[in-house]
């Protein structure tokens, strides 16, 4: 039998290589000894097994290379970047589900292919920064773009630092804003007719719902005004909001102080003018609104 050592096949070196067939007749042919024949047979089987293993390993390596190549292609298609027009030129059905596209010409906003019977691009994240004057908000958005975030970069404070979200059908402004104006001298002698309080005027920057607050500094003065009412009103686009939606003072001469009132108002458009006014119900005294202590503010709540 061939000798083996640690998995190696060793020739039977203590055995003759060949033996004579039949009798010890020099004319008869020789053949391999039994031990060497078994050695060569075992060696042949080992070579065949090794070749089969090498062939199987080569096939496995090729299969792995093919898998890596497929994975590289999938990764390359899973996250892509380019212009907005470039994304629209790529049919969503040709890329993997959940693939991402970064729009390089719209501040790197991100779109994703949504799984459905008809795969389609949907907006998922990112903010576009551009000017509002001229208006660079995208004009080609639809229902799949809902939530698209746009923020203005204008230097003009009327247009700058404003934020809009696309509802799926229209732009909705969501910029937080508070406008405040403080009155200026001179003080206002009150009369039965409505008097504007100097300085207490705001131009509302956009349409939507506002909480408007008026702070009035009113005082009853002069014997002729005893018992009269002093009112503080707000005028919106030239129309005064009447009592009881007003601040008021009533009492003896010398009665007065700072009084506040709030109004909920929905501006139909931008550029509505809101201003504070004051009046008294009658009397011949010298009641007054201290303009420099009066303040108007407008808090934009939403569209």
C-alpha atoms as a PDB file:
ATOM      1  CA  UNK A   1       0.000   0.000   0.000  1.00  0.00           C
ATOM      2  CA  UNK A   2       1.244   3.557  -0.670  1.00  0.00           C
ATOM      3  CA  UNK A   3       2.357   5.446   2.433  1.00  0.00           C
ATOM      4  CA  UNK A   4       0.641   8.694   3.416  1.00  0.00           C
ATOM      5  CA  UNK A   5       1.981  11.427   5.629  1.00  0.00           C
ATOM      6  CA  UNK A   6      -0.150  14.442   6.655  1.00  0.00           C
ATOM      7  CA  UNK A   7      -2.414  14.043   3.637  1.00  0.00           C
ATOM      8  CA  UNK A   8       0.453  13.482   1.146  1.00  0.00           C
ATOM      9  CA  UNK A   9       0.692  10.357  -1.016  1.00  0.00           C
ATOM     10  CA  UNK A  10       4.159   8.822  -0.796  1.00  0.00           C
ATOM     11  CA  UNK A  11       5.597   6.204  -3.189  1.00  0.00           C
ATOM     12  CA  UNK A  12       6.348   2.744  -1.742  1.00  0.00           C
ATOM     13  CA  UNK A  13      10.104   3.185  -1.967  1.00  0.00           C
ATOM     14  CA  UNK A  14      10.837  -0.052  -0.099  1.00  0.00           C
ATOM     15  CA  UNK A  15       9.136  -2.049  -2.874  1.00  0.00           C
ATOM     16  CA  UNK A  16      10.559  -2.949  -6.287  1.00  0.00           C
ATOM     17  CA  UNK A  17       9.217  -0.758  -9.081  1.00  0.00           C
ATOM     18  CA  UNK A  18       8.384  -3.734 -11.341  1.00  0.00           C
ATOM     19  CA  UNK A  19       7.890  -7.458 -11.100  1.00  0.00           C
ATOM     20  CA  UNK A  20       8.070 -10.195 -13.713  1.00  0.00           C
ATOM     21  CA  UNK A  21       4.936 -11.789 -14.969  1.00  0.00           C
ATOM     22  CA  UNK A  22       4.795 -15.494 -14.353  1.00  0.00           C
ATOM     23  CA  UNK A  23       8.070 -17.441 -13.768  1.00  0.00           C
ATOM     24  CA  UNK A  24      11.466 -15.913 -13.425  1.00  0.00           C
ATOM     25  CA  UNK A  25      12.094 -16.164 -17.144  1.00  0.00           C
ATOM     26  CA  UNK A  26      14.155 -13.261 -18.496  1.00  0.00           C
ATOM     27  CA  UNK A  27      12.258 -13.441 -21.764  1.00  0.00           C
ATOM     28  CA  UNK A  28       8.939 -12.665 -20.133  1.00  0.00           C
ATOM     29  CA  UNK A  29       7.822  -9.032 -19.784  1.00  0.00           C
ATOM     30  CA  UNK A  30       7.861  -7.092 -16.551  1.00  0.00           C
ATOM     31  CA  UNK A  31       4.953  -5.129 -15.094  1.00  0.00           C
ATOM     32  CA  UNK A  32       4.561  -2.602 -12.280  1.00  0.00           C
ATOM     33  CA  UNK A  33       4.517  -4.062  -8.870  1.00  0.00           C
ATOM     34  CA  UNK A  34       1.195  -4.190  -7.135  1.00  0.00           C
ATOM     35  CA  UNK A  35       2.233  -1.529  -4.630  1.00  0.00           C
ATOM     36  CA  UNK A  36       3.362   0.933  -7.327  1.00  0.00           C
ATOM     37  CA  UNK A  37       0.294   0.301  -9.422  1.00  0.00           C
ATOM     38  CA  UNK A  38      -1.901   1.172  -6.423  1.00  0.00           C
ATOM     39  CA  UNK A  39       0.283   4.241  -5.757  1.00  0.00           C
ATOM     40  CA  UNK A  40      -0.137   5.533  -9.317  1.00  0.00           C
ATOM     41  CA  UNK A  41      -3.866   4.812  -9.305  1.00  0.00           C
ATOM     42  CA  UNK A  42      -4.316   6.679  -6.027  1.00  0.00           C
ATOM     43  CA  UNK A  43      -2.182   9.537  -7.351  1.00  0.00           C
ATOM     44  CA  UNK A  44      -4.325   9.722 -10.488  1.00  0.00           C
ATOM     45  CA  UNK A  45      -7.509   9.911  -8.380  1.00  0.00           C
ATOM     46  CA  UNK A  46      -5.952  12.688  -6.299  1.00  0.00           C
ATOM     47  CA  UNK A  47      -5.025  14.665  -9.404  1.00  0.00           C
ATOM     48  CA  UNK A  48      -8.517  14.284 -10.806  1.00  0.00           C
ATOM     49  CA  UNK A  49     -10.068  15.442  -7.525  1.00  0.00           C
ATOM     50  CA  UNK A  50      -7.727  18.444  -7.400  1.00  0.00           C
ATOM     51  CA  UNK A  51      -8.574  19.415 -10.987  1.00  0.00           C
ATOM     52  CA  UNK A  52     -12.286  19.145 -10.246  1.00  0.00           C
ATOM     53  CA  UNK A  53     -11.850  21.384  -7.158  1.00  0.00           C
ATOM     54  CA  UNK A  54      -9.901  23.939  -9.182  1.00  0.00           C
ATOM     55  CA  UNK A  55     -12.580  23.936 -11.860  1.00  0.00           C
ATOM     56  CA  UNK A  56     -15.339  24.369  -9.261  1.00  0.00           C
ATOM     57  CA  UNK A  57     -13.367  27.183  -7.581  1.00  0.00           C
ATOM     58  CA  UNK A  58     -12.871  28.946 -10.907  1.00  0.00           C
ATOM     59  CA  UNK A  59     -16.608  28.740 -11.590  1.00  0.00           C
ATOM     60  CA  UNK A  60     -17.401  30.082  -8.096  1.00  0.00           C
ATOM     61  CA  UNK A  61     -15.000  32.997  -8.582  1.00  0.00           C
ATOM     62  CA  UNK A  62     -16.600  33.829 -11.931  1.00  0.00           C
ATOM     63  CA  UNK A  63     -20.060  33.678 -10.354  1.00  0.00           C
ATOM     64  CA  UNK A  64     -18.887  35.982  -7.561  1.00  0.00           C
ATOM     65  CA  UNK A  65     -17.424  38.409 -10.106  1.00  0.00           C
ATOM     66  CA  UNK A  66     -20.754  38.430 -11.960  1.00  0.00           C
ATOM     67  CA  UNK A  67     -22.607  39.091  -8.678  1.00  0.00           C
ATOM     68  CA  UNK A  68     -20.264  41.959  -7.786  1.00  0.00           C
ATOM     69  CA  UNK A  69     -20.715  43.425 -11.258  1.00  0.00           C
ATOM     70  CA  UNK A  70     -24.508  43.181 -10.914  1.00  0.00           C
ATOM     71  CA  UNK A  71     -24.301  44.786  -7.471  1.00  0.00           C
ATOM     72  CA  UNK A  72     -22.156  47.625  -8.813  1.00  0.00           C
ATOM     73  CA  UNK A  73     -24.725  48.265 -11.536  1.00  0.00           C
ATOM     74  CA  UNK A  74     -27.555  48.193  -8.989  1.00  0.00           C
ATOM     75  CA  UNK A  75     -25.751  50.622  -6.670  1.00  0.00           C
ATOM     76  CA  UNK A  76     -24.949  52.921  -9.584  1.00  0.00           C
ATOM     77  CA  UNK A  77     -28.649  53.010 -10.478  1.00  0.00           C
ATOM     78  CA  UNK A  78     -29.842  53.274  -6.885  1.00  0.00           C
ATOM     79  CA  UNK A  79     -28.438  56.778  -6.269  1.00  0.00           C
ATOM     80  CA  UNK A  80     -28.046  59.085  -9.239  1.00  0.00           C
ATOM     81  CA  UNK A  81     -27.667  62.815  -9.673  1.00  0.00           C
ATOM     82  CA  UNK A  82     -28.291  65.294 -12.442  1.00  0.00           C
ATOM     83  CA  UNK A  83     -30.541  68.131 -13.488  1.00  0.00           C
ATOM     84  CA  UNK A  84     -34.290  68.275 -13.077  1.00  0.00           C
ATOM     85  CA  UNK A  85     -34.712  67.816 -16.824  1.00  0.00           C
ATOM     86  CA  UNK A  86     -32.323  64.869 -16.687  1.00  0.00           C
ATOM     87  CA  UNK A  87     -34.488  63.114 -14.102  1.00  0.00           C
ATOM     88  CA  UNK A  88     -37.630  63.622 -16.150  1.00  0.00           C
ATOM     89  CA  UNK A  89     -35.866  62.114 -19.163  1.00  0.00           C
ATOM     90  CA  UNK A  90     -35.279  58.832 -17.278  1.00  0.00           C
ATOM     91  CA  UNK A  91     -38.415  56.638 -17.175  1.00  0.00           C
ATOM     92  CA  UNK A  92     -39.029  55.612 -13.576  1.00  0.00           C
ATOM     93  CA  UNK A  93     -39.671  52.021 -14.663  1.00  0.00           C
ATOM     94  CA  UNK A  94     -36.089  51.619 -15.885  1.00  0.00           C
ATOM     95  CA  UNK A  95     -34.530  52.096 -12.431  1.00  0.00           C
ATOM     96  CA  UNK A  96     -34.825  50.029  -9.223  1.00  0.00           C
ATOM     97  CA  UNK A  97     -37.719  50.691  -6.850  1.00  0.00           C
ATOM     98  CA  UNK A  98     -36.697  53.229  -4.152  1.00  0.00           C
ATOM     99  CA  UNK A  99     -33.893  54.595  -6.349  1.00  0.00           C
ATOM    100  CA  UNK A 100     -32.924  58.178  -5.516  1.00  0.00           C
ATOM    101  CA  UNK A 101     -32.222  61.154  -7.785  1.00  0.00           C
ATOM    102  CA  UNK A 102     -30.485  64.328  -6.559  1.00  0.00           C
ATOM    103  CA  UNK A 103     -31.465  67.378  -8.636  1.00  0.00           C
ATOM    104  CA  UNK A 104     -28.264  69.382  -8.902  1.00  0.00           C
ATOM    105  CA  UNK A 105     -29.918  72.471 -10.426  1.00  0.00           C
ATOM    106  CA  UNK A 106     -32.521  72.741  -7.644  1.00  0.00           C
ATOM    107  CA  UNK A 107     -30.262  72.902  -4.578  1.00  0.00           C
ATOM    108  CA  UNK A 108     -29.911  69.087  -4.418  1.00  0.00           C
ATOM    109  CA  UNK A 109     -33.536  68.269  -3.593  1.00  0.00           C
ATOM    110  CA  UNK A 110     -34.116  64.509  -3.556  1.00  0.00           C
ATOM    111  CA  UNK A 111     -36.661  62.421  -5.435  1.00  0.00           C
ATOM    112  CA  UNK A 112     -37.361  58.707  -5.030  1.00  0.00           C
ATOM    113  CA  UNK A 113     -39.071  56.103  -7.189  1.00  0.00           C
ATOM    114  CA  UNK A 114     -42.255  55.065  -5.403  1.00  0.00           C
ATOM    115  CA  UNK A 115     -43.247  51.390  -5.674  1.00  0.00           C
ATOM    116  CA  UNK A 116     -46.601  50.989  -7.389  1.00  0.00           C
ATOM    117  CA  UNK A 117     -48.179  49.383 -10.435  1.00  0.00           C
ATOM    118  CA  UNK A 118     -46.695  52.278 -12.391  1.00  0.00           C
ATOM    119  CA  UNK A 119     -43.450  53.358 -10.669  1.00  0.00           C
ATOM    120  CA  UNK A 120     -43.123  57.129 -10.481  1.00  0.00           C
ATOM    121  CA  UNK A 121     -40.864  59.825  -9.046  1.00  0.00           C
ATOM    122  CA  UNK A 122     -41.921  61.511  -5.795  1.00  0.00           C
ATOM    123  CA  UNK A 123     -40.332  64.358  -3.825  1.00  0.00           C
ATOM    124  CA  UNK A 124     -38.900  63.123  -0.503  1.00  0.00           C
ATOM    125  CA  UNK A 125     -36.498  65.733   0.922  1.00  0.00           C
ATOM    126  CA  UNK A 126     -34.441  68.858   0.460  1.00  0.00           C
ATOM    127  CA  UNK A 127     -34.901  72.617   0.134  1.00  0.00           C
ATOM    128  CA  UNK A 128     -34.497  74.729  -2.985  1.00  0.00           C
ATOM    129  CA  UNK A 129     -32.948  78.171  -2.494  1.00  0.00           C
ATOM    130  CA  UNK A 130     -33.554  80.874  -5.102  1.00  0.00           C
ATOM    131  CA  UNK A 131     -35.086  84.330  -5.534  1.00  0.00           C
ATOM    132  CA  UNK A 132     -38.716  85.314  -5.204  1.00  0.00           C
ATOM    133  CA  UNK A 133     -38.236  88.429  -7.330  1.00  0.00           C
ATOM    134  CA  UNK A 134     -37.865  87.330 -10.058  1.00  0.00           C
ATOM    135  CA  UNK A 135     -39.933  84.350  -9.010  1.00  0.00           C
ATOM    136  CA  UNK A 136     -37.787  81.230  -9.409  1.00  0.00           C
ATOM    137  CA  UNK A 137     -40.161  78.838  -7.698  1.00  0.00           C
ATOM    138  CA  UNK A 138     -40.629  75.744  -9.910  1.00  0.00           C
ATOM    139  CA  UNK A 139     -43.657  76.090 -12.166  1.00  0.00           C
ATOM    140  CA  UNK A 140     -43.925  72.433 -13.213  1.00  0.00           C
ATOM    141  CA  UNK A 141     -44.824  70.746  -9.912  1.00  0.00           C
ATOM    142  CA  UNK A 142     -47.777  68.410  -9.421  1.00  0.00           C
ATOM    143  CA  UNK A 143     -49.367  66.069  -6.894  1.00  0.00           C
ATOM    144  CA  UNK A 144     -46.209  63.900  -6.591  1.00  0.00           C
ATOM    145  CA  UNK A 145     -44.179  66.968  -5.580  1.00  0.00           C
ATOM    146  CA  UNK A 146     -46.236  67.698  -2.438  1.00  0.00           C
ATOM    147  CA  UNK A 147     -44.055  69.032   0.375  1.00  0.00           C
ATOM    148  CA  UNK A 148     -41.447  70.595  -1.936  1.00  0.00           C
ATOM    149  CA  UNK A 149     -39.701  73.254   0.168  1.00  0.00           C
ATOM    150  CA  UNK A 150     -38.658  76.614  -1.338  1.00  0.00           C
ATOM    151  CA  UNK A 151     -36.861  79.426   0.515  1.00  0.00           C
ATOM    152  CA  UNK A 152     -36.102  82.823  -0.947  1.00  0.00           C
ATOM    153  CA  UNK A 153     -32.659  84.397  -0.989  1.00  0.00           C
ATOM    154  CA  UNK A 154     -33.580  87.961  -2.051  1.00  0.00           C
ATOM    155  CA  UNK A 155     -31.776  90.866  -0.421  1.00  0.00           C
ATOM    156  CA  UNK A 156     -34.988  92.927  -0.504  1.00  0.00           C
ATOM    157  CA  UNK A 157     -36.672  92.337   2.903  1.00  0.00           C
ATOM    158  CA  UNK A 158     -40.069  92.254   1.215  1.00  0.00           C
ATOM    159  CA  UNK A 159     -39.057  89.064  -0.614  1.00  0.00           C
ATOM    160  CA  UNK A 160     -36.096  87.648   1.293  1.00  0.00           C
ATOM    161  CA  UNK A 161     -36.068  84.918   3.971  1.00  0.00           C
ATOM    162  CA  UNK A 162     -39.528  83.633   3.044  1.00  0.00           C
ATOM    163  CA  UNK A 163     -40.548  79.987   2.949  1.00  0.00           C
ATOM    164  CA  UNK A 164     -43.099  78.235   0.754  1.00  0.00           C
ATOM    165  CA  UNK A 165     -44.334  74.631   0.646  1.00  0.00           C
ATOM    166  CA  UNK A 166     -45.961  73.043  -2.391  1.00  0.00           C
ATOM    167  CA  UNK A 167     -49.345  71.594  -1.370  1.00  0.00           C
ATOM    168  CA  UNK A 168     -49.620  69.326  -4.387  1.00  0.00           C
ATOM    169  CA  UNK A 169     -51.611  71.972  -6.238  1.00  0.00           C
ATOM    170  CA  UNK A 170     -50.347  75.412  -5.160  1.00  0.00           C
ATOM    171  CA  UNK A 171     -47.651  77.236  -3.195  1.00  0.00           C
ATOM    172  CA  UNK A 172     -48.438  77.898   0.479  1.00  0.00           C
ATOM    173  CA  UNK A 173     -46.348  80.415   2.406  1.00  0.00           C
ATOM    174  CA  UNK A 174     -45.306  79.239   5.862  1.00  0.00           C
ATOM    175  CA  UNK A 175     -42.845  81.991   6.800  1.00  0.00           C
ATOM    176  CA  UNK A 176     -43.201  82.973  10.468  1.00  0.00           C
ATOM    177  CA  UNK A 177     -43.504  86.751  10.716  1.00  0.00           C
ATOM    178  CA  UNK A 178     -44.290  89.484  13.208  1.00  0.00           C
ATOM    179  CA  UNK A 179     -44.625  93.126  12.215  1.00  0.00           C
ATOM    180  CA  UNK A 180     -44.511  95.887  14.856  1.00  0.00           C
ATOM    181  CA  UNK A 181     -44.871  99.653  14.690  1.00  0.00           C
ATOM    182  CA  UNK A 182     -44.604 102.164  17.549  1.00  0.00           C
ATOM    183  CA  UNK A 183     -46.413 105.490  17.625  1.00  0.00           C
ATOM    184  CA  UNK A 184     -44.604 108.786  17.258  1.00  0.00           C
ATOM    185  CA  UNK A 185     -45.243 112.325  18.528  1.00  0.00           C
ATOM    186  CA  UNK A 186     -47.316 114.425  18.561  1.00  0.00           C
ATOM    187  CA  UNK A 187     -49.957 113.174  20.980  1.00  0.00           C
ATOM    188  CA  UNK A 188     -53.507 113.070  19.635  1.00  0.00           C
ATOM    189  CA  UNK A 189     -56.261 115.269  21.133  1.00  0.00           C
ATOM    190  CA  UNK A 190     -59.376 113.095  20.953  1.00  0.00           C
ATOM    191  CA  UNK A 191     -62.601 114.078  19.252  1.00  0.00           C
ATOM    192  CA  UNK A 192     -65.880 112.407  18.344  1.00  0.00           C
ATOM    193  CA  UNK A 193     -64.453 111.738  14.863  1.00  0.00           C
ATOM    194  CA  UNK A 194     -61.900 108.930  14.538  1.00  0.00           C
ATOM    195  CA  UNK A 195     -58.272 110.087  14.790  1.00  0.00           C
ATOM    196  CA  UNK A 196     -55.261 108.172  13.391  1.00  0.00           C
ATOM    197  CA  UNK A 197     -52.464 107.569  15.890  1.00  0.00           C
ATOM    198  CA  UNK A 198     -49.199 108.690  14.211  1.00  0.00           C
ATOM    199  CA  UNK A 199     -46.692 105.915  13.548  1.00  0.00           C
ATOM    200  CA  UNK A 200     -49.055 103.075  14.471  1.00  0.00           C
ATOM    201  CA  UNK A 201     -49.505 101.762  10.926  1.00  0.00           C
ATOM    202  CA  UNK A 202     -48.436  98.497   9.239  1.00  0.00           C
ATOM    203  CA  UNK A 203     -48.589  97.217   5.681  1.00  0.00           C
ATOM    204  CA  UNK A 204     -49.363  93.496   5.961  1.00  0.00           C
ATOM    205  CA  UNK A 205     -46.785  91.650   3.877  1.00  0.00           C
ATOM    206  CA  UNK A 206     -48.981  88.847   2.566  1.00  0.00           C
ATOM    207  CA  UNK A 207     -52.431  87.341   2.490  1.00  0.00           C
ATOM    208  CA  UNK A 208     -53.550  85.045   5.279  1.00  0.00           C
ATOM    209  CA  UNK A 209     -54.672  84.947   8.899  1.00  0.00           C
ATOM    210  CA  UNK A 210     -53.272  87.472  11.358  1.00  0.00           C
ATOM    211  CA  UNK A 211     -53.517  88.160  15.059  1.00  0.00           C
ATOM    212  CA  UNK A 212     -53.380  91.953  15.355  1.00  0.00           C
ATOM    213  CA  UNK A 213     -52.697  93.548  18.737  1.00  0.00           C
ATOM    214  CA  UNK A 214     -53.221  97.208  19.584  1.00  0.00           C
ATOM    215  CA  UNK A 215     -51.805  98.859  22.706  1.00  0.00           C
ATOM    216  CA  UNK A 216     -53.386 102.239  23.479  1.00  0.00           C
ATOM    217  CA  UNK A 217     -52.301 104.891  25.999  1.00  0.00           C
ATOM    218  CA  UNK A 218     -55.507 106.885  26.665  1.00  0.00           C
ATOM    219  CA  UNK A 219     -56.399 109.411  29.383  1.00  0.00           C
ATOM    220  CA  UNK A 220     -59.539 111.344  30.311  1.00  0.00           C
ATOM    221  CA  UNK A 221     -58.628 115.023  30.719  1.00  0.00           C
ATOM    222  CA  UNK A 222     -60.587 118.226  31.255  1.00  0.00           C
ATOM    223  CA  UNK A 223     -63.804 118.624  33.232  1.00  0.00           C
ATOM    224  CA  UNK A 224     -65.921 118.492  30.085  1.00  0.00           C
ATOM    225  CA  UNK A 225     -64.981 114.859  29.421  1.00  0.00           C
ATOM    226  CA  UNK A 226     -66.052 113.375  32.748  1.00  0.00           C
ATOM    227  CA  UNK A 227     -68.027 110.173  32.163  1.00  0.00           C
ATOM    228  CA  UNK A 228     -67.136 109.955  28.477  1.00  0.00           C
ATOM    229  CA  UNK A 229     -65.779 106.806  26.847  1.00  0.00           C
ATOM    230  CA  UNK A 230     -62.401 106.812  25.122  1.00  0.00           C
ATOM    231  CA  UNK A 231     -62.050 104.123  22.456  1.00  0.00           C
ATOM    232  CA  UNK A 232     -59.061 102.547  20.707  1.00  0.00           C
ATOM    233  CA  UNK A 233     -59.816 100.920  17.333  1.00  0.00           C
ATOM    234  CA  UNK A 234     -58.021  99.271  14.445  1.00  0.00           C
ATOM    235  CA  UNK A 235     -58.608 100.248  10.837  1.00  0.00           C
ATOM    236  CA  UNK A 236     -58.100  97.528   8.202  1.00  0.00           C
ATOM    237  CA  UNK A 237     -57.807  98.653   4.603  1.00  0.00           C
ATOM    238  CA  UNK A 238     -59.590 101.893   5.467  1.00  0.00           C
ATOM    239  CA  UNK A 239     -62.458 100.241   7.335  1.00  0.00           C
ATOM    240  CA  UNK A 240     -62.608 100.761  11.112  1.00  0.00           C
ATOM    241  CA  UNK A 241     -63.525  97.719  13.190  1.00  0.00           C
ATOM    242  CA  UNK A 242     -66.359  99.008  15.424  1.00  0.00           C
ATOM    243  CA  UNK A 243     -67.025  98.569  19.146  1.00  0.00           C
ATOM    244  CA  UNK A 244     -67.253  96.330  21.088  1.00  0.00           C
ATOM    245  CA  UNK A 245     -64.091  95.113  19.347  1.00  0.00           C
ATOM    246  CA  UNK A 246     -62.079  97.969  20.815  1.00  0.00           C
ATOM    247  CA  UNK A 247     -60.128  99.059  23.873  1.00  0.00           C
ATOM    248  CA  UNK A 248     -61.813 101.680  26.047  1.00  0.00           C
ATOM    249  CA  UNK A 249     -61.419 103.913  29.071  1.00  0.00           C
ATOM    250  CA  UNK A 250     -64.261 105.416  31.151  1.00  0.00           C
ATOM    251  CA  UNK A 251     -64.391 107.104  34.551  1.00  0.00           C
ATOM    252  CA  UNK A 252     -63.515 110.284  36.343  1.00  0.00           C
ATOM    253  CA  UNK A 253     -61.161 112.894  35.051  1.00  0.00           C
ATOM    254  CA  UNK A 254     -57.589 111.616  35.243  1.00  0.00           C
ATOM    255  CA  UNK A 255     -58.617 108.021  34.571  1.00  0.00           C
ATOM    256  CA  UNK A 256     -56.385 106.369  31.975  1.00  0.00           C
ATOM    257  CA  UNK A 257     -53.468 104.102  31.280  1.00  0.00           C
ATOM    258  CA  UNK A 258     -52.380 101.471  28.801  1.00  0.00           C
ATOM    259  CA  UNK A 259     -55.108  99.235  27.378  1.00  0.00           C
ATOM    260  CA  UNK A 260     -54.846  96.432  24.808  1.00  0.00           C
ATOM    261  CA  UNK A 261     -57.140  94.761  22.320  1.00  0.00           C
ATOM    262  CA  UNK A 262     -56.603  91.928  19.820  1.00  0.00           C
ATOM    263  CA  UNK A 263     -58.271  91.216  16.500  1.00  0.00           C
ATOM    264  CA  UNK A 264     -58.291  88.103  14.334  1.00  0.00           C
ATOM    265  CA  UNK A 265     -58.169  89.119  10.709  1.00  0.00           C
ATOM    266  CA  UNK A 266     -57.816  87.319   7.366  1.00  0.00           C
ATOM    267  CA  UNK A 267     -56.123  89.499   4.777  1.00  0.00           C
ATOM    268  CA  UNK A 268     -57.482  88.686   1.292  1.00  0.00           C
ATOM    269  CA  UNK A 269     -54.277  89.916  -0.353  1.00  0.00           C
ATOM    270  CA  UNK A 270     -50.902  91.326   0.547  1.00  0.00           C
ATOM    271  CA  UNK A 271     -50.413  95.070   1.224  1.00  0.00           C
ATOM    272  CA  UNK A 272     -53.461  95.527   3.486  1.00  0.00           C
ATOM    273  CA  UNK A 273     -52.905  98.577   5.736  1.00  0.00           C
ATOM    274  CA  UNK A 274     -53.618  98.121   9.442  1.00  0.00           C
ATOM    275  CA  UNK A 275     -53.471 101.178  11.696  1.00  0.00           C
ATOM    276  CA  UNK A 276     -54.588 102.273  15.159  1.00  0.00           C
ATOM    277  CA  UNK A 277     -57.200 104.984  15.710  1.00  0.00           C
ATOM    278  CA  UNK A 278     -58.804 106.585  18.765  1.00  0.00           C
ATOM    279  CA  UNK A 279     -61.866 108.693  19.581  1.00  0.00           C
ATOM    280  CA  UNK A 280     -64.165 109.778  22.404  1.00  0.00           C
ATOM    281  CA  UNK A 281     -67.949 109.635  22.629  1.00  0.00           C
ATOM    282  CA  UNK A 282     -68.407 113.336  23.403  1.00  0.00           C
ATOM    283  CA  UNK A 283     -67.588 116.079  25.890  1.00  0.00           C
ATOM    284  CA  UNK A 284     -65.685 119.345  25.778  1.00  0.00           C
ATOM    285  CA  UNK A 285     -62.572 118.271  27.680  1.00  0.00           C
ATOM    286  CA  UNK A 286     -59.061 117.614  26.433  1.00  0.00           C
ATOM    287  CA  UNK A 287     -58.756 113.820  26.604  1.00  0.00           C
ATOM    288  CA  UNK A 288     -55.730 112.497  24.774  1.00  0.00           C
ATOM    289  CA  UNK A 289     -54.022 109.472  23.177  1.00  0.00           C
ATOM    290  CA  UNK A 290     -50.310 109.450  24.006  1.00  0.00           C
ATOM    291  CA  UNK A 291     -49.030 108.383  20.591  1.00  0.00           C
ATOM    292  CA  UNK A 292     -45.457 107.527  21.598  1.00  0.00           C
ATOM    293  CA  UNK A 293     -46.794 104.944  24.100  1.00  0.00           C
ATOM    294  CA  UNK A 294     -49.052 103.239  21.543  1.00  0.00           C
ATOM    295  CA  UNK A 295     -47.994 100.077  19.643  1.00  0.00           C
ATOM    296  CA  UNK A 296     -49.502  97.915  16.902  1.00  0.00           C
ATOM    297  CA  UNK A 297     -48.304  94.409  16.004  1.00  0.00           C
ATOM    298  CA  UNK A 298     -49.443  91.824  13.456  1.00  0.00           C
ATOM    299  CA  UNK A 299     -48.564  88.134  13.850  1.00  0.00           C
ATOM    300  CA  UNK A 300     -49.037  86.086  10.681  1.00  0.00           C
ATOM    301  CA  UNK A 301     -50.576  82.743  11.672  1.00  0.00           C
ATOM    302  CA  UNK A 302     -51.055  80.971   8.390  1.00  0.00           C
ATOM    303  CA  UNK A 303     -52.717  81.049   4.974  1.00  0.00           C
END
